[in-house]
Amino acid sequence: MKKGFTIIELLVSIAIVATITALGVMTFTNYNEEKQLKNVAVELAGKIGEIRLRAFSGQKVEGAVPKYFGLQVEGDQASYSLFADFAGDCWFDASDILIEKIMLPSKVLFQAIPGQKVCYKTNEAMNFVCSTSGCDKDQQQIFYLAAESGGASKKVIVDFQNGMARVEE
């Protein structure tokens, strides 16, 4: 009677363990990517809420109250800026003040038109929101975020009816 395993049995066992390990690593990687993307989307929605609050409270920036507070996707698709808009054109340019520039983590990008933005008018009694396409109350602005691998994606939707931002799959 033989004791032990044949070489074929050992190779099959090693192949099974390797396959299970590879699947576990892939699942873990996808989970981390999904979690990171969700965190970025929640942070973006929070920053939109921050500029909304700044606008409705009439917060001063460098001693003056801007006409709008805005958030704009930068041309690199990997960052966005919060700004105080003194020109009143809902566009970040030389006459405006940068409040904060946020870099997205590596492997997360906007799937947006460079310059996509949302602005809130300062001291407006009603929620007054503008975007790249105008200030129509029946609109919404959607910021698309995606993992660099192309697998996962999230949407941050700004509803112009109430000015609130929410995260969706």
C-alpha atoms as a PDB file:
ATOM      1  CA  MET A   1       0.000   0.000   0.000  1.00  0.00           C
ATOM      2  CA  LYS A   2       1.345   3.419  -1.020  1.00  0.00           C
ATOM      3  CA  LYS A   3       1.390   6.333   1.330  1.00  0.00           C
ATOM      4  CA  GLY A   4       1.452   9.948   0.111  1.00  0.00           C
ATOM      5  CA  PHE A   5       0.301  11.818  -2.963  1.00  0.00           C
ATOM      6  CA  THR A   6       1.193  11.419  -6.580  1.00  0.00           C
ATOM      7  CA  ILE A   7       2.680  14.339  -8.456  1.00  0.00           C
ATOM      8  CA  ILE A   8      -0.572  14.760 -10.430  1.00  0.00           C
ATOM      9  CA  GLU A   9      -2.602  15.029  -7.220  1.00  0.00           C
ATOM     10  CA  LEU A  10      -0.202  17.662  -5.870  1.00  0.00           C
ATOM     11  CA  LEU A  11      -0.319  19.691  -9.107  1.00  0.00           C
ATOM     12  CA  VAL A  12      -4.123  19.600  -9.187  1.00  0.00           C
ATOM     13  CA  SER A  13      -4.268  20.717  -5.532  1.00  0.00           C
ATOM     14  CA  ILE A  14      -1.832  23.567  -6.199  1.00  0.00           C
ATOM     15  CA  ALA A  15      -3.858  24.655  -9.253  1.00  0.00           C
ATOM     16  CA  ILE A  16      -7.082  24.710  -7.213  1.00  0.00           C
ATOM     17  CA  VAL A  17      -5.467  26.750  -4.413  1.00  0.00           C
ATOM     18  CA  ALA A  18      -3.943  29.173  -6.944  1.00  0.00           C
ATOM     19  CA  THR A  19      -7.304  29.676  -8.674  1.00  0.00           C
ATOM     20  CA  ILE A  20      -9.107  30.336  -5.399  1.00  0.00           C
ATOM     21  CA  THR A  21      -6.372  32.778  -4.314  1.00  0.00           C
ATOM     22  CA  ALA A  22      -6.512  34.648  -7.635  1.00  0.00           C
ATOM     23  CA  LEU A  23     -10.291  34.998  -7.373  1.00  0.00           C
ATOM     24  CA  GLY A  24      -9.950  36.287  -3.809  1.00  0.00           C
ATOM     25  CA  VAL A  25      -7.361  38.889  -4.817  1.00  0.00           C
ATOM     26  CA  MET A  26      -9.504  40.082  -7.750  1.00  0.00           C
ATOM     27  CA  THR A  27     -12.586  40.361  -5.545  1.00  0.00           C
ATOM     28  CA  PHE A  28     -10.639  42.285  -2.911  1.00  0.00           C
ATOM     29  CA  THR A  29      -9.214  44.652  -5.539  1.00  0.00           C
ATOM     30  CA  ASN A  30     -12.668  45.305  -7.017  1.00  0.00           C
ATOM     31  CA  TYR A  31     -14.091  45.905  -3.534  1.00  0.00           C
ATOM     32  CA  ASN A  32     -11.337  48.434  -2.732  1.00  0.00           C
ATOM     33  CA  GLU A  33     -11.859  50.209  -6.060  1.00  0.00           C
ATOM     34  CA  GLU A  34     -15.624  50.396  -5.477  1.00  0.00           C
ATOM     35  CA  LYS A  35     -15.147  51.664  -1.919  1.00  0.00           C
ATOM     36  CA  GLN A  36     -12.652  54.339  -3.012  1.00  0.00           C
ATOM     37  CA  LEU A  37     -14.997  55.489  -5.781  1.00  0.00           C
ATOM     38  CA  LYS A  38     -17.923  55.730  -3.366  1.00  0.00           C
ATOM     39  CA  ASN A  39     -15.797  57.758  -0.914  1.00  0.00           C
ATOM     40  CA  VAL A  40     -14.805  60.188  -3.697  1.00  0.00           C
ATOM     41  CA  ALA A  41     -18.454  60.579  -4.781  1.00  0.00           C
ATOM     42  CA  VAL A  42     -19.581  61.231  -1.202  1.00  0.00           C
ATOM     43  CA  GLU A  43     -16.776  63.785  -0.766  1.00  0.00           C
ATOM     44  CA  LEU A  44     -17.790  65.540  -4.021  1.00  0.00           C
ATOM     45  CA  ALA A  45     -21.425  65.707  -2.871  1.00  0.00           C
ATOM     46  CA  GLY A  46     -20.179  67.120   0.448  1.00  0.00           C
ATOM     47  CA  LYS A  47     -18.107  69.796  -1.303  1.00  0.00           C
ATOM     48  CA  ILE A  48     -21.152  70.766  -3.377  1.00  0.00           C
ATOM     49  CA  GLY A  49     -23.077  71.091  -0.115  1.00  0.00           C
ATOM     50  CA  GLU A  50     -20.247  73.232   1.254  1.00  0.00           C
ATOM     51  CA  ILE A  51     -20.390  75.749  -1.616  1.00  0.00           C
ATOM     52  CA  ARG A  52     -24.191  75.795  -1.335  1.00  0.00           C
ATOM     53  CA  LEU A  53     -23.896  76.674   2.348  1.00  0.00           C
ATOM     54  CA  ARG A  54     -21.274  79.350   1.644  1.00  0.00           C
ATOM     55  CA  ALA A  55     -23.543  80.955  -0.954  1.00  0.00           C
ATOM     56  CA  PHE A  56     -26.731  80.937   1.085  1.00  0.00           C
ATOM     57  CA  SER A  57     -24.946  82.310   4.133  1.00  0.00           C
ATOM     58  CA  GLY A  58     -23.408  85.133   2.087  1.00  0.00           C
ATOM     59  CA  GLN A  59     -19.913  84.262   3.256  1.00  0.00           C
ATOM     60  CA  LYS A  60     -17.214  86.814   2.516  1.00  0.00           C
ATOM     61  CA  VAL A  61     -14.039  85.873   0.681  1.00  0.00           C
ATOM     62  CA  GLU A  62     -11.107  88.233   1.153  1.00  0.00           C
ATOM     63  CA  GLY A  63     -13.442  90.876   2.544  1.00  0.00           C
ATOM     64  CA  ALA A  64     -16.088  90.810  -0.190  1.00  0.00           C
ATOM     65  CA  VAL A  65     -19.174  88.741  -0.948  1.00  0.00           C
ATOM     66  CA  PRO A  66     -18.958  87.043  -4.368  1.00  0.00           C
ATOM     67  CA  LYS A  67     -21.952  86.790  -6.718  1.00  0.00           C
ATOM     68  CA  TYR A  68     -21.697  82.991  -6.847  1.00  0.00           C
ATOM     69  CA  PHE A  69     -19.846  80.142  -5.213  1.00  0.00           C
ATOM     70  CA  GLY A  70     -18.982  77.359  -7.624  1.00  0.00           C
ATOM     71  CA  LEU A  71     -17.388  74.002  -8.216  1.00  0.00           C
ATOM     72  CA  GLN A  72     -15.678  73.294 -11.542  1.00  0.00           C
ATOM     73  CA  VAL A  73     -14.134  70.130 -13.013  1.00  0.00           C
ATOM     74  CA  GLU A  74     -10.611  70.865 -14.219  1.00  0.00           C
ATOM     75  CA  GLY A  75      -9.320  69.982 -17.676  1.00  0.00           C
ATOM     76  CA  ASP A  76      -7.165  67.126 -16.384  1.00  0.00           C
ATOM     77  CA  GLN A  77     -10.348  65.215 -15.348  1.00  0.00           C
ATOM     78  CA  ALA A  78      -8.510  64.318 -12.120  1.00  0.00           C
ATOM     79  CA  SER A  79      -9.297  67.396 -10.028  1.00  0.00           C
ATOM     80  CA  TYR A  80     -11.926  70.004  -9.283  1.00  0.00           C
ATOM     81  CA  SER A  81     -11.912  73.489  -7.801  1.00  0.00           C
ATOM     82  CA  LEU A  82     -14.138  75.357  -5.382  1.00  0.00           C
ATOM     83  CA  PHE A  83     -14.189  79.047  -6.229  1.00  0.00           C
ATOM     84  CA  ALA A  84     -15.735  82.387  -5.346  1.00  0.00           C
ATOM     85  CA  ASP A  85     -17.150  83.937  -8.530  1.00  0.00           C
ATOM     86  CA  PHE A  86     -16.973  87.717  -8.433  1.00  0.00           C
ATOM     87  CA  ALA A  87     -17.688  88.220 -12.149  1.00  0.00           C
ATOM     88  CA  GLY A  88     -21.078  86.508 -11.831  1.00  0.00           C
ATOM     89  CA  ASP A  89     -20.613  84.324 -14.900  1.00  0.00           C
ATOM     90  CA  CYS A  90     -20.402  80.931 -13.155  1.00  0.00           C
ATOM     91  CA  TRP A  91     -16.965  80.438 -14.677  1.00  0.00           C
ATOM     92  CA  PHE A  92     -13.672  80.241 -12.796  1.00  0.00           C
ATOM     93  CA  ASP A  93     -11.335  82.829 -14.299  1.00  0.00           C
ATOM     94  CA  ALA A  94      -8.774  85.476 -13.319  1.00  0.00           C
ATOM     95  CA  SER A  95     -11.303  87.740 -11.576  1.00  0.00           C
ATOM     96  CA  ASP A  96     -12.344  84.949  -9.210  1.00  0.00           C
ATOM     97  CA  ILE A  97     -10.744  83.456  -6.098  1.00  0.00           C
ATOM     98  CA  LEU A  98      -9.779  79.825  -5.693  1.00  0.00           C
ATOM     99  CA  ILE A  99     -11.064  78.492  -2.387  1.00  0.00           C
ATOM    100  CA  GLU A 100      -9.762  74.949  -2.687  1.00  0.00           C
ATOM    101  CA  LYS A 101      -8.473  72.572  -5.347  1.00  0.00           C
ATOM    102  CA  ILE A 102      -9.173  68.891  -4.755  1.00  0.00           C
ATOM    103  CA  MET A 103      -7.203  66.160  -6.496  1.00  0.00           C
ATOM    104  CA  LEU A 104      -8.985  62.867  -7.052  1.00  0.00           C
ATOM    105  CA  PRO A 105      -7.148  59.757  -5.851  1.00  0.00           C
ATOM    106  CA  SER A 106      -5.178  57.855  -8.442  1.00  0.00           C
ATOM    107  CA  LYS A 107      -7.311  55.457 -10.474  1.00  0.00           C
ATOM    108  CA  VAL A 108     -10.426  57.676 -10.166  1.00  0.00           C
ATOM    109  CA  LEU A 109     -11.369  60.152 -12.904  1.00  0.00           C
ATOM    110  CA  PHE A 110     -14.267  62.360 -13.910  1.00  0.00           C
ATOM    111  CA  GLN A 111     -16.132  61.282 -16.993  1.00  0.00           C
ATOM    112  CA  ALA A 112     -17.188  64.845 -17.625  1.00  0.00           C
ATOM    113  CA  ILE A 113     -16.706  67.707 -19.953  1.00  0.00           C
ATOM    114  CA  PRO A 114     -13.730  69.753 -18.756  1.00  0.00           C
ATOM    115  CA  GLY A 115     -15.157  72.885 -17.219  1.00  0.00           C
ATOM    116  CA  GLN A 116     -18.363  71.181 -16.068  1.00  0.00           C
ATOM    117  CA  LYS A 117     -19.575  73.173 -13.116  1.00  0.00           C
ATOM    118  CA  VAL A 118     -22.315  74.050 -10.676  1.00  0.00           C
ATOM    119  CA  CYS A 119     -22.760  77.465  -9.040  1.00  0.00           C
ATOM    120  CA  TYR A 120     -24.958  78.833  -6.269  1.00  0.00           C
ATOM    121  CA  LYS A 121     -26.007  82.478  -6.244  1.00  0.00           C
ATOM    122  CA  THR A 122     -25.075  84.313  -3.069  1.00  0.00           C
ATOM    123  CA  ASN A 123     -27.841  85.376  -0.655  1.00  0.00           C
ATOM    124  CA  GLU A 124     -30.619  84.098  -2.927  1.00  0.00           C
ATOM    125  CA  ALA A 125     -33.895  83.467  -1.065  1.00  0.00           C
ATOM    126  CA  MET A 126     -34.671  80.424  -3.214  1.00  0.00           C
ATOM    127  CA  ASN A 127     -32.188  77.766  -4.252  1.00  0.00           C
ATOM    128  CA  PHE A 128     -30.655  79.345  -7.324  1.00  0.00           C
ATOM    129  CA  VAL A 129     -28.353  76.958  -9.097  1.00  0.00           C
ATOM    130  CA  CYS A 130     -26.544  77.306 -12.405  1.00  0.00           C
ATOM    131  CA  SER A 131     -24.435  74.905 -14.416  1.00  0.00           C
ATOM    132  CA  THR A 132     -22.572  74.640 -17.680  1.00  0.00           C
ATOM    133  CA  SER A 133     -25.899  74.479 -19.515  1.00  0.00           C
ATOM    134  CA  GLY A 134     -27.687  77.350 -17.730  1.00  0.00           C
ATOM    135  CA  CYS A 135     -29.913  78.082 -14.748  1.00  0.00           C
ATOM    136  CA  ASP A 136     -33.159  76.227 -15.574  1.00  0.00           C
ATOM    137  CA  LYS A 137     -34.916  75.105 -12.354  1.00  0.00           C
ATOM    138  CA  ASP A 138     -36.135  71.903 -14.046  1.00  0.00           C
ATOM    139  CA  GLN A 139     -32.612  70.667 -14.716  1.00  0.00           C
ATOM    140  CA  GLN A 140     -30.073  68.678 -12.847  1.00  0.00           C
ATOM    141  CA  GLN A 141     -26.316  68.540 -13.147  1.00  0.00           C
ATOM    142  CA  ILE A 142     -24.706  65.116 -13.166  1.00  0.00           C
ATOM    143  CA  PHE A 143     -21.030  64.579 -12.370  1.00  0.00           C
ATOM    144  CA  TYR A 144     -19.853  61.137 -13.487  1.00  0.00           C
ATOM    145  CA  LEU A 145     -16.947  59.487 -11.684  1.00  0.00           C
ATOM    146  CA  ALA A 146     -15.324  56.261 -12.844  1.00  0.00           C
ATOM    147  CA  ALA A 147     -12.553  53.934 -11.856  1.00  0.00           C
ATOM    148  CA  GLU A 148      -9.599  54.093 -14.206  1.00  0.00           C
ATOM    149  CA  SER A 149     -10.009  50.355 -14.877  1.00  0.00           C
ATOM    150  CA  GLY A 150     -13.447  51.091 -16.321  1.00  0.00           C
ATOM    151  CA  GLY A 151     -15.267  48.749 -13.966  1.00  0.00           C
ATOM    152  CA  ALA A 152     -17.095  50.823 -11.369  1.00  0.00           C
ATOM    153  CA  SER A 153     -18.779  54.204 -11.724  1.00  0.00           C
ATOM    154  CA  LYS A 154     -20.827  56.611  -9.607  1.00  0.00           C
ATOM    155  CA  LYS A 155     -22.975  59.667 -10.289  1.00  0.00           C
ATOM    156  CA  VAL A 156     -23.267  62.772  -8.162  1.00  0.00           C
ATOM    157  CA  ILE A 157     -26.521  64.467  -9.099  1.00  0.00           C
ATOM    158  CA  VAL A 158     -27.309  68.083  -8.219  1.00  0.00           C
ATOM    159  CA  ASP A 159     -31.064  68.686  -8.276  1.00  0.00           C
ATOM    160  CA  PHE A 160     -31.813  72.276  -9.304  1.00  0.00           C
ATOM    161  CA  GLN A 161     -35.222  72.180  -7.580  1.00  0.00           C
ATOM    162  CA  ASN A 162     -33.683  72.011  -4.114  1.00  0.00           C
ATOM    163  CA  GLY A 163     -29.962  72.566  -4.777  1.00  0.00           C
ATOM    164  CA  MET A 164     -29.019  69.324  -3.015  1.00  0.00           C
ATOM    165  CA  ALA A 165     -26.439  66.807  -4.248  1.00  0.00           C
ATOM    166  CA  ARG A 166     -26.868  63.042  -3.955  1.00  0.00           C
ATOM    167  CA  VAL A 167     -24.786  59.999  -4.900  1.00  0.00           C
ATOM    168  CA  GLU A 168     -26.156  57.251  -7.148  1.00  0.00           C
ATOM    169  CA  GLU A 169     -24.761  54.119  -8.739  1.00  0.00           C
END
